[in-house]
Amino acid sequence: MLREVWLNIGLEKIDTHKGITVKVLLDSSVTRMFMDKKTAARHGFKLQKLNRPVVVRNVDSMNNNTRAITHQVEVNMYYKGHVERMKMDICDLGRTKVILGMPWLQAHNPEINWEIGEVKMTKCPLLCEGNKGREEKGTRKGKRVVNLEEEKIVRWAVDDKKDWEREEKVEADYRKIEEMVLKKFLK
């Protein structure tokens, strides 16, 4: 069984509409979407300066050796009929060119076959271009019904980082497992 899932995707520059194909890592432990700074420079992506730098932290919550993130890039992303516009933070990723993190995974909830590494985009939110005209369960007149929580996740994933106070604080839940799970599942 695979421990990592890699995709070949197309990235298109917004200003020139020229594109490249890159290998992308799906990583649920990452809290943003990233493009390697060398990849951005090599292919001439237009960088946008952030209003405030973002501190990079490692998995152990320690500050990363690299500097804070100061720029982002806006791109059109293409994958097997899926099309979307997204913003990626620019940082040093080493050998990895692009990482799609948890906000992207939550927003799109792709079907992932971990045995063979296949990814299907069957549950994309209405905001994705590839959804136009697609009918699914829970649709009205050919348009998918998007609930408020789903739209919030998508907007967070594609946010232009101007609204820094929107991230909610997570409170610890000290209930016993028996209090959280239905009794019929505890047997």
C-alpha atoms as a PDB file:
ATOM      1  CA  MET A   1       0.000   0.000   0.000  1.00  0.00           C
ATOM      2  CA  LEU A   2       1.204   3.514  -0.803  1.00  0.00           C
ATOM      3  CA  ARG A   3       2.107   5.987   1.940  1.00  0.00           C
ATOM      4  CA  GLU A   4       2.155   8.995  -0.395  1.00  0.00           C
ATOM      5  CA  VAL A   5      -0.021  10.028  -3.306  1.00  0.00           C
ATOM      6  CA  TRP A   6       1.488  11.991  -6.199  1.00  0.00           C
ATOM      7  CA  LEU A   7      -0.466  13.497  -9.105  1.00  0.00           C
ATOM      8  CA  ASN A   8       0.602  14.889 -12.457  1.00  0.00           C
ATOM      9  CA  ILE A   9      -1.255  18.179 -12.846  1.00  0.00           C
ATOM     10  CA  GLY A  10      -1.180  21.128 -15.192  1.00  0.00           C
ATOM     11  CA  LEU A  11      -0.514  24.614 -13.851  1.00  0.00           C
ATOM     12  CA  GLU A  12      -1.308  27.642 -15.996  1.00  0.00           C
ATOM     13  CA  LYS A  13       0.015  31.159 -15.468  1.00  0.00           C
ATOM     14  CA  ILE A  14      -2.821  33.645 -15.081  1.00  0.00           C
ATOM     15  CA  ASP A  15      -1.073  36.459 -16.969  1.00  0.00           C
ATOM     16  CA  THR A  16       0.287  34.596 -20.037  1.00  0.00           C
ATOM     17  CA  HIS A  17      -1.854  31.427 -19.999  1.00  0.00           C
ATOM     18  CA  LYS A  18       1.312  29.362 -20.569  1.00  0.00           C
ATOM     19  CA  GLY A  19       1.323  26.092 -18.677  1.00  0.00           C
ATOM     20  CA  ILE A  20       3.571  23.437 -17.237  1.00  0.00           C
ATOM     21  CA  THR A  21       3.026  19.896 -15.995  1.00  0.00           C
ATOM     22  CA  VAL A  22       4.299  19.137 -12.497  1.00  0.00           C
ATOM     23  CA  LYS A  23       4.242  16.272 -10.026  1.00  0.00           C
ATOM     24  CA  VAL A  24       2.224  17.244  -6.945  1.00  0.00           C
ATOM     25  CA  LEU A  25       2.246  15.696  -3.471  1.00  0.00           C
ATOM     26  CA  LEU A  26      -1.079  15.362  -1.626  1.00  0.00           C
ATOM     27  CA  ASP A  27      -0.303  15.843   2.059  1.00  0.00           C
ATOM     28  CA  SER A  28      -2.993  15.942   4.760  1.00  0.00           C
ATOM     29  CA  SER A  29      -0.502  17.128   7.396  1.00  0.00           C
ATOM     30  CA  VAL A  30       0.126  20.404   5.533  1.00  0.00           C
ATOM     31  CA  THR A  31      -2.130  23.355   6.326  1.00  0.00           C
ATOM     32  CA  ARG A  32      -1.787  25.239   3.011  1.00  0.00           C
ATOM     33  CA  MET A  33      -0.966  24.857  -0.694  1.00  0.00           C
ATOM     34  CA  PHE A  34       2.677  25.435  -1.663  1.00  0.00           C
ATOM     35  CA  MET A  35       4.830  25.887  -4.759  1.00  0.00           C
ATOM     36  CA  ASP A  36       8.600  25.566  -4.592  1.00  0.00           C
ATOM     37  CA  LYS A  37      10.354  28.914  -5.078  1.00  0.00           C
ATOM     38  CA  LYS A  38      12.797  27.435  -7.611  1.00  0.00           C
ATOM     39  CA  THR A  39       9.897  26.036  -9.666  1.00  0.00           C
ATOM     40  CA  ALA A  40       8.132  29.411  -9.637  1.00  0.00           C
ATOM     41  CA  ALA A  41      11.302  31.234 -10.726  1.00  0.00           C
ATOM     42  CA  ARG A  42      12.318  28.657 -13.372  1.00  0.00           C
ATOM     43  CA  HIS A  43       8.932  28.834 -15.101  1.00  0.00           C
ATOM     44  CA  GLY A  44       8.362  32.580 -14.663  1.00  0.00           C
ATOM     45  CA  PHE A  45       5.273  32.567 -12.457  1.00  0.00           C
ATOM     46  CA  LYS A  46       4.259  36.075 -11.393  1.00  0.00           C
ATOM     47  CA  LEU A  47       4.697  36.374  -7.627  1.00  0.00           C
ATOM     48  CA  GLN A  48       2.372  38.438  -5.443  1.00  0.00           C
ATOM     49  CA  LYS A  49       3.728  39.876  -2.196  1.00  0.00           C
ATOM     50  CA  LEU A  50       1.713  39.023   0.915  1.00  0.00           C
ATOM     51  CA  ASN A  51       0.560  41.856   3.175  1.00  0.00           C
ATOM     52  CA  ARG A  52       2.090  40.051   6.150  1.00  0.00           C
ATOM     53  CA  PRO A  53       4.689  37.270   6.178  1.00  0.00           C
ATOM     54  CA  VAL A  54       3.624  33.795   7.297  1.00  0.00           C
ATOM     55  CA  VAL A  55       5.907  31.943   9.715  1.00  0.00           C
ATOM     56  CA  VAL A  56       6.728  28.409   8.586  1.00  0.00           C
ATOM     57  CA  ARG A  57       6.574  25.735  11.287  1.00  0.00           C
ATOM     58  CA  ASN A  58       7.661  22.112  11.177  1.00  0.00           C
ATOM     59  CA  VAL A  59       5.480  19.180  12.195  1.00  0.00           C
ATOM     60  CA  ASP A  60       6.865  19.466  15.744  1.00  0.00           C
ATOM     61  CA  SER A  61       5.687  23.145  15.887  1.00  0.00           C
ATOM     62  CA  MET A  62       9.262  24.450  15.824  1.00  0.00           C
ATOM     63  CA  ASN A  63      10.094  27.312  13.447  1.00  0.00           C
ATOM     64  CA  ASN A  64      11.450  26.118  10.129  1.00  0.00           C
ATOM     65  CA  ASN A  65      14.995  27.073   9.100  1.00  0.00           C
ATOM     66  CA  THR A  66      13.674  28.866   6.018  1.00  0.00           C
ATOM     67  CA  ARG A  67      12.476  32.416   6.212  1.00  0.00           C
ATOM     68  CA  ALA A  68       8.824  33.316   6.517  1.00  0.00           C
ATOM     69  CA  ILE A  69       6.599  33.037   3.460  1.00  0.00           C
ATOM     70  CA  THR A  70       6.392  36.452   1.824  1.00  0.00           C
ATOM     71  CA  HIS A  71       4.918  35.682  -1.620  1.00  0.00           C
ATOM     72  CA  GLN A  72       2.224  33.649  -3.297  1.00  0.00           C
ATOM     73  CA  VAL A  73       1.292  32.786  -6.866  1.00  0.00           C
ATOM     74  CA  GLU A  74      -2.143  32.493  -8.455  1.00  0.00           C
ATOM     75  CA  VAL A  75      -2.570  29.694 -11.008  1.00  0.00           C
ATOM     76  CA  ASN A  76      -5.164  27.691 -12.862  1.00  0.00           C
ATOM     77  CA  MET A  77      -4.841  24.019 -11.971  1.00  0.00           C
ATOM     78  CA  TYR A  78      -5.917  21.172 -14.266  1.00  0.00           C
ATOM     79  CA  TYR A  79      -6.335  17.511 -13.349  1.00  0.00           C
ATOM     80  CA  LYS A  80      -8.394  14.961 -15.337  1.00  0.00           C
ATOM     81  CA  GLY A  81     -11.185  17.388 -16.283  1.00  0.00           C
ATOM     82  CA  HIS A  82     -10.982  19.237 -12.951  1.00  0.00           C
ATOM     83  CA  VAL A  83     -10.196  22.946 -13.314  1.00  0.00           C
ATOM     84  CA  GLU A  84      -9.786  25.527 -10.583  1.00  0.00           C
ATOM     85  CA  ARG A  85      -8.048  28.788  -9.818  1.00  0.00           C
ATOM     86  CA  MET A  86      -5.969  28.694  -6.657  1.00  0.00           C
ATOM     87  CA  LYS A  87      -3.285  30.547  -4.749  1.00  0.00           C
ATOM     88  CA  MET A  88      -0.144  28.807  -3.532  1.00  0.00           C
ATOM     89  CA  ASP A  89       2.381  30.077  -1.019  1.00  0.00           C
ATOM     90  CA  ILE A  90       5.975  30.216  -2.256  1.00  0.00           C
ATOM     91  CA  CYS A  91       8.675  28.537  -0.155  1.00  0.00           C
ATOM     92  CA  ASP A  92      11.606  26.155  -0.387  1.00  0.00           C
ATOM     93  CA  LEU A  93      10.256  22.625  -0.848  1.00  0.00           C
ATOM     94  CA  GLY A  94      13.500  20.928  -1.778  1.00  0.00           C
ATOM     95  CA  ARG A  95      12.832  18.305  -4.452  1.00  0.00           C
ATOM     96  CA  THR A  96       9.038  18.645  -4.235  1.00  0.00           C
ATOM     97  CA  LYS A  97       7.570  21.128  -6.714  1.00  0.00           C
ATOM     98  CA  VAL A  98       4.010  21.554  -5.384  1.00  0.00           C
ATOM     99  CA  ILE A  99       2.133  20.385  -2.276  1.00  0.00           C
ATOM    100  CA  LEU A 100      -1.640  20.395  -1.952  1.00  0.00           C
ATOM    101  CA  GLY A 101      -2.492  20.362   1.748  1.00  0.00           C
ATOM    102  CA  MET A 102      -5.491  19.761   3.961  1.00  0.00           C
ATOM    103  CA  PRO A 103      -7.525  22.837   2.908  1.00  0.00           C
ATOM    104  CA  TRP A 104      -7.515  21.545  -0.679  1.00  0.00           C
ATOM    105  CA  LEU A 105      -8.261  17.980   0.413  1.00  0.00           C
ATOM    106  CA  GLN A 106     -11.152  19.150   2.621  1.00  0.00           C
ATOM    107  CA  ALA A 107     -12.606  21.389  -0.072  1.00  0.00           C
ATOM    108  CA  HIS A 108     -12.557  18.695  -2.774  1.00  0.00           C
ATOM    109  CA  ASN A 109     -12.780  15.478  -0.744  1.00  0.00           C
ATOM    110  CA  PRO A 110     -11.270  13.397  -3.567  1.00  0.00           C
ATOM    111  CA  GLU A 111     -11.724   9.634  -3.754  1.00  0.00           C
ATOM    112  CA  ILE A 112      -8.239   8.181  -3.177  1.00  0.00           C
ATOM    113  CA  ASN A 113      -7.395   4.566  -3.882  1.00  0.00           C
ATOM    114  CA  TRP A 114      -4.392   4.018  -1.616  1.00  0.00           C
ATOM    115  CA  GLU A 115      -3.573   0.656  -3.199  1.00  0.00           C
ATOM    116  CA  ILE A 116      -2.763   2.103  -6.617  1.00  0.00           C
ATOM    117  CA  GLY A 117      -2.541   5.861  -5.947  1.00  0.00           C
ATOM    118  CA  GLU A 118      -5.550   6.750  -8.100  1.00  0.00           C
ATOM    119  CA  VAL A 119      -7.364  10.012  -7.332  1.00  0.00           C
ATOM    120  CA  LYS A 120     -10.867  10.771  -8.610  1.00  0.00           C
ATOM    121  CA  MET A 121     -12.438  14.214  -8.365  1.00  0.00           C
ATOM    122  CA  THR A 122     -16.055  13.160  -7.833  1.00  0.00           C
ATOM    123  CA  LYS A 123     -17.097  15.459  -4.982  1.00  0.00           C
ATOM    124  CA  CYS A 124     -15.800  18.878  -6.015  1.00  0.00           C
ATOM    125  CA  PRO A 125     -17.599  21.955  -4.720  1.00  0.00           C
ATOM    126  CA  LEU A 126     -19.687  24.099  -7.050  1.00  0.00           C
ATOM    127  CA  LEU A 127     -16.902  26.693  -7.250  1.00  0.00           C
ATOM    128  CA  CYS A 128     -14.694  24.343  -9.309  1.00  0.00           C
ATOM    129  CA  GLU A 129     -14.876  24.990 -13.043  1.00  0.00           C
ATOM    130  CA  GLY A 130     -15.053  21.281 -13.860  1.00  0.00           C
ATOM    131  CA  ASN A 131     -18.459  21.066 -12.162  1.00  0.00           C
ATOM    132  CA  LYS A 132     -20.354  23.242 -14.620  1.00  0.00           C
ATOM    133  CA  GLY A 133     -23.193  21.207 -16.061  1.00  0.00           C
ATOM    134  CA  ARG A 134     -22.419  18.108 -13.970  1.00  0.00           C
ATOM    135  CA  GLU A 135     -25.338  16.531 -12.162  1.00  0.00           C
ATOM    136  CA  GLU A 136     -25.037  14.619  -8.896  1.00  0.00           C
ATOM    137  CA  LYS A 137     -27.199  13.445  -6.052  1.00  0.00           C
ATOM    138  CA  GLY A 138     -28.424  16.446  -4.113  1.00  0.00           C
ATOM    139  CA  THR A 139     -28.626  18.736  -7.117  1.00  0.00           C
ATOM    140  CA  ARG A 140     -31.278  21.131  -8.212  1.00  0.00           C
ATOM    141  CA  LYS A 141     -31.688  21.754 -11.935  1.00  0.00           C
ATOM    142  CA  GLY A 142     -28.202  20.453 -12.680  1.00  0.00           C
ATOM    143  CA  LYS A 143     -26.395  22.491 -10.021  1.00  0.00           C
ATOM    144  CA  ARG A 144     -24.886  20.935  -6.934  1.00  0.00           C
ATOM    145  CA  VAL A 145     -26.213  22.232  -3.608  1.00  0.00           C
ATOM    146  CA  VAL A 146     -23.328  23.600  -1.540  1.00  0.00           C
ATOM    147  CA  ASN A 147     -23.794  23.768   2.203  1.00  0.00           C
ATOM    148  CA  LEU A 148     -22.376  26.636   4.288  1.00  0.00           C
ATOM    149  CA  GLU A 149     -19.593  24.550   5.875  1.00  0.00           C
ATOM    150  CA  GLU A 150     -18.394  23.311   2.486  1.00  0.00           C
ATOM    151  CA  GLU A 151     -18.333  26.827   1.059  1.00  0.00           C
ATOM    152  CA  LYS A 152     -16.387  28.053   4.113  1.00  0.00           C
ATOM    153  CA  ILE A 153     -13.741  25.360   3.550  1.00  0.00           C
ATOM    154  CA  VAL A 154     -13.444  26.202  -0.147  1.00  0.00           C
ATOM    155  CA  ARG A 155     -13.177  29.928   0.509  1.00  0.00           C
ATOM    156  CA  TRP A 156     -10.475  29.233   3.125  1.00  0.00           C
ATOM    157  CA  ALA A 157      -8.563  27.101   0.613  1.00  0.00           C
ATOM    158  CA  VAL A 158      -8.565  29.807  -2.066  1.00  0.00           C
ATOM    159  CA  ASP A 159      -8.367  32.790   0.300  1.00  0.00           C
ATOM    160  CA  ASP A 160      -6.237  35.771  -0.656  1.00  0.00           C
ATOM    161  CA  LYS A 161      -5.045  35.959   2.966  1.00  0.00           C
ATOM    162  CA  LYS A 162      -6.462  39.437   3.637  1.00  0.00           C
ATOM    163  CA  ASP A 163      -8.765  38.178   6.395  1.00  0.00           C
ATOM    164  CA  TRP A 164      -6.258  36.872   8.940  1.00  0.00           C
ATOM    165  CA  GLU A 165      -8.659  36.783  11.873  1.00  0.00           C
ATOM    166  CA  ARG A 166     -11.035  34.277  10.292  1.00  0.00           C
ATOM    167  CA  GLU A 167      -9.277  31.172  11.561  1.00  0.00           C
ATOM    168  CA  GLU A 168     -11.260  29.842  14.490  1.00  0.00           C
ATOM    169  CA  LYS A 169      -9.745  28.674  17.747  1.00  0.00           C
ATOM    170  CA  VAL A 170     -10.120  24.954  18.376  1.00  0.00           C
ATOM    171  CA  GLU A 171     -11.249  24.041  21.842  1.00  0.00           C
ATOM    172  CA  ALA A 172     -10.199  20.777  23.441  1.00  0.00           C
ATOM    173  CA  ASP A 173     -12.960  18.225  23.889  1.00  0.00           C
ATOM    174  CA  TYR A 174     -12.520  16.324  27.143  1.00  0.00           C
ATOM    175  CA  ARG A 175     -15.611  14.127  26.870  1.00  0.00           C
ATOM    176  CA  LYS A 176     -15.258  10.381  27.229  1.00  0.00           C
ATOM    177  CA  ILE A 177     -15.525   8.336  24.041  1.00  0.00           C
ATOM    178  CA  GLU A 178     -18.760   6.823  25.361  1.00  0.00           C
ATOM    179  CA  GLU A 179     -20.328  10.297  25.432  1.00  0.00           C
ATOM    180  CA  MET A 180     -19.384  11.073  21.807  1.00  0.00           C
ATOM    181  CA  VAL A 181     -20.182   7.792  20.017  1.00  0.00           C
ATOM    182  CA  LEU A 182     -23.669   6.360  19.608  1.00  0.00           C
ATOM    183  CA  LYS A 183     -24.266   3.465  22.019  1.00  0.00           C
ATOM    184  CA  LYS A 184     -24.993   1.002  19.225  1.00  0.00           C
ATOM    185  CA  PHE A 185     -21.419   1.433  17.937  1.00  0.00           C
ATOM    186  CA  LEU A 186     -19.803   0.754  21.331  1.00  0.00           C
ATOM    187  CA  LYS A 187     -20.948  -2.876  21.490  1.00  0.00           C
END
